[in-house]
């Protein structure tokens, strides 16, 4: 800003009179000077240099990002164990066996079916050791005369007595565990035409530590069997006519020990699904074998074969295969035989029409009742009382003792028995190499021994 200089000019005027003879003049009126206001110059401000603001460029607006929703990461469960290999389906080992015509055309009368080892060997010199021929022969024998028997098939392989016959006798399955001539596995034979083949490449019916025998449908056209399937056990159905397989349960739980109702309407089985819904990692409620113990059994269920509806029959745990008494009743065992100090085994009956089950009141017997077989009408049961007496007992379903057979004594779990379809006869024999009496036929009314035979 420049500074301005003020210049002030002051002017003064004086009048001087000329000296001449004075004339007498009439005096004039002298006007008094008036004070004249001298204009004071105003300050003229020099315009200062005005700074011109140069407009700065407006900043470009920044893009405000729209916030995206942050997803909560889900925990991916890592399986703590790997799945087991699924049992291989096999269609090989085809063979044709000559079946007697009277058997191939159908069985009209009740027969006793059994296997025998080394039957063809005759020991002529007791001092000479006889080699084991490893031969097993399956016989169909008369119920009234066990010596009247017909050989059906001769097996040169070891089956460990794991031969499973269809109720009508028109089909059978057997497990080859050791053979020099063919592969181990489950073989199926159609008795009506003599055609047999291997259908499964497994060497044992014990899978994941649990034994489960296959079961034929009443008409002998389908075979139910529990097989390993990744993390669990499922029940599969094999149809003999088409050679096809179907997974019947497929839940992720342990489903095993199938058995058909006499009319084929239901399939009963044991499952742990009420305790562990699934053993497949990642599924809802899945069990982990690193934490949860492997099941030893489960509860009894039935599947309606037409609708596929599955119903739980009892809250009682069992580790054995349930048995059909008739089309309406299922028998199964309870208790624990694992407790070696105090083993117990109770018998139960369940009604599939009402869904109710109850324990059979066998207070007169010991708590260890084994190898029970129910009469076809469900009113009577024969079993081995494996207590101190170790005797065969016949009782009613209400617990009334009908008879004891004292002259037949078996080791625990070595007796097997079966009722005839009309309940008039009971056949008793041994199992697991324990057969001290041969085949015994008992009258179903008097419970006396009708015949004895040494197969």
Foldseek 3Di string as FASTA:
>chain_A
DDDDDDDDDDDDDDDDDDDDPDDDDDDDDDDDDDDDDDDDDDDDDDDDDDDDDDDDDDDDDDDDDDDDDDDDDDDDDDAPDWWDDWWDWDWDPKDFDDFDPCVLVFDDDDWDKAKDFPPVDDDPDPVDDDDGQCKIWIWTAHLQDRVRIDTGDIDSAHQLRQKAAAQRRQKIKTFGQDDPPDATAIKIAGNNGRIMGGTTRDNACQDPNAHAHWEAANVRQKIWFWIGDTQEIFIWIAGPVVRDIDGLPPFQWHWGHWYAANVRQKIKTWTACVPARHCDPPDPRHDHVVPDPDDQTHFIWMAGVPPRDIDTQDPATANHHWDHLHNFKIKGWHFACVPVVDGFIWIKITGPVVSYMDTQPQVVADRDWDQKEAHSVQQKIWTFRPPPQRWIWMATSNNHTDDIDRVDHWDPPFKHKYADNVQQKIWIATDSPTGPFAIWIAGSPNRHTSDTDHD
